[in-house]
Protein backbone atom coordinates (compact mmCIF):
# COMPACT_ATOMS: atom_id res chain seq x y z
CA MET A 1 98.77 92.26 116.49
CA SER A 2 97.99 94.61 119.27
CA PHE A 3 99.33 97.47 121.30
CA VAL A 4 98.80 98.69 124.84
CA ASP A 5 99.05 102.24 126.09
CA PRO A 6 97.44 102.88 129.48
CA ASP A 7 96.38 106.37 128.39
CA LYS A 8 94.77 105.28 125.12
CA PRO A 9 92.27 102.67 123.94
CA SER A 10 93.83 99.41 122.77
CA ALA A 11 92.96 97.17 119.85
CA ALA A 12 94.08 94.04 118.03
CA ILE A 13 93.23 93.57 114.35
CA ASN A 14 92.68 90.25 112.58
CA VAL A 15 91.47 89.09 109.19
CA ILE A 16 88.50 86.75 109.62
CA SER A 17 87.27 86.31 106.05
CA ILE A 18 88.58 86.77 102.50
CA THR A 19 86.69 86.53 99.22
CA GLU A 20 87.52 87.62 95.68
CA THR A 21 86.23 91.15 96.31
CA SER A 22 86.17 91.63 100.09
CA VAL A 23 88.14 91.26 103.29
CA THR A 24 86.49 91.18 106.70
CA VAL A 25 88.63 92.50 109.52
CA SER A 26 87.86 92.28 113.21
CA TRP A 27 89.38 93.86 116.26
CA SER A 28 89.08 93.45 119.97
CA ILE A 29 88.83 96.15 122.56
CA GLY A 30 88.79 96.11 126.32
CA GLU A 31 85.47 95.02 127.80
CA THR A 32 85.10 98.22 129.80
CA GLN A 33 86.44 100.49 127.10
CA ARG A 34 84.03 103.08 125.76
CA VAL A 35 84.54 103.67 122.05
CA ASP A 36 83.44 106.94 120.49
CA THR A 37 84.37 106.25 116.87
CA THR A 38 86.12 103.50 114.92
CA ALA A 39 87.45 103.54 111.38
CA VAL A 40 89.14 100.96 109.21
CA TYR A 41 91.80 102.17 106.79
CA TYR A 42 92.92 100.13 103.79
CA ARG A 43 95.04 100.47 100.68
CA VAL A 44 96.61 98.39 97.97
CA ALA A 45 99.94 97.21 99.40
CA GLY A 46 102.74 99.55 98.44
CA TYR A 47 100.50 102.49 97.53
CA THR A 48 100.53 105.70 99.55
CA ASP A 49 96.84 106.69 99.67
CA TRP A 50 94.64 105.13 102.36
CA ASN A 51 90.87 104.69 102.07
CA GLU A 52 88.68 105.06 105.16
CA VAL A 53 85.48 103.25 106.08
CA SER A 54 83.66 103.90 109.33
CA ALA A 55 82.83 100.98 111.54
CA THR A 56 80.65 100.03 114.47
CA GLY A 57 81.02 97.02 116.68
CA THR A 58 84.17 94.96 116.33
CA GLU A 59 84.28 93.92 112.66
CA ARG A 60 83.92 95.43 109.21
CA ASP A 61 83.55 93.94 105.75
CA VAL A 62 85.67 96.03 103.37
CA THR A 63 84.34 95.88 99.82
CA PRO A 64 84.52 96.19 96.81
CA LEU A 65 88.15 95.18 96.38
CA GLN A 66 90.00 93.86 93.33
CA PRO A 67 90.49 90.07 93.00
CA GLY A 68 93.99 88.71 93.58
CA THR A 69 95.29 91.94 95.12
CA GLU A 70 97.26 92.42 98.34
CA TYR A 71 95.85 95.03 100.71
CA GLU A 72 96.99 96.56 103.99
CA PHE A 73 94.56 97.36 106.83
CA TYR A 74 94.61 99.08 110.20
CA VAL A 75 92.03 100.26 112.70
CA VAL A 76 91.77 103.65 114.43
CA ILE A 77 89.80 103.86 117.67
CA ASN A 78 88.82 107.08 119.41
CA SER A 79 87.85 106.94 123.06
CA PHE A 80 87.55 109.79 125.55
CA GLY A 81 89.44 112.11 123.20
CA LYS A 82 92.36 109.69 122.82
CA THR A 83 93.23 108.03 119.52
CA SER A 84 94.90 104.66 119.03
CA TYR A 85 96.12 102.89 115.94
CA SER A 86 96.38 99.14 115.52
CA ASP A 87 99.28 97.49 113.78
CA ASN A 88 98.95 97.02 110.03
CA ILE A 89 97.80 93.65 108.76
CA ASP A 90 98.00 92.34 105.19
CA ALA A 91 95.50 90.24 103.25
CA THR A 92 95.28 89.17 99.62
CA THR A 93 91.88 88.82 98.01
CA GLY A 94 91.09 85.54 96.29
CA MET A 95 91.45 84.93 92.59
CA MET A 96 88.48 84.17 90.42
CA ASN A 97 88.46 80.53 89.43
CA TYR A 98 89.14 81.03 85.74
CA HIS A 99 89.36 77.28 85.07
CA LEU A 100 85.83 76.76 86.36
CA MET A 101 84.58 79.78 84.44
CA PHE A 102 86.20 78.42 81.24
CA LEU A 103 84.61 75.01 81.80
CA VAL A 104 81.15 76.52 82.26
CA LEU A 105 81.56 78.60 79.09
CA CYS A 106 82.72 75.55 77.11
CA LEU A 107 79.84 73.42 78.36
CA SER A 108 77.39 76.19 77.62
CA TYR A 109 78.73 76.53 74.08
CA ARG A 110 78.66 72.75 73.58
CA PHE A 111 75.05 72.56 74.80
CA ASP A 112 74.03 75.40 72.47
CA TYR A 113 75.78 73.68 69.57
CA LEU A 114 74.12 70.35 70.27
CA SER A 115 70.67 71.84 70.74
CA THR A 116 70.84 73.71 67.41
CA ASN A 117 72.39 70.86 65.44
CA THR A 118 70.50 67.92 66.84
CA SER A 119 66.92 66.93 66.33
CA TRP A 120 65.43 65.56 69.50
């Protein structure tokens, strides 16, 4: 997802990592392009209010996010007084593994039960 305007900086945004509570986005810029400021905007998909986080380099870990939630992201780059916006990209955070959590709790309870009701 990218755009090109000869009078403005250009960028392409990608999702490179997703966890339960974070999404890492990256973007590419021209090798000779001087960037003054960069910001990543994100929101829960379908909502109207955007959140802003400043960025340096060409990637940003956006956190804390809610598990199992779809988010929208875009990047704004300012260079030589010109502003460019990337396309929006969507990503859904991972779900907590509730089955594993349940298993650990059950095993923990079973161990506690055995240790209090068994003479070693």
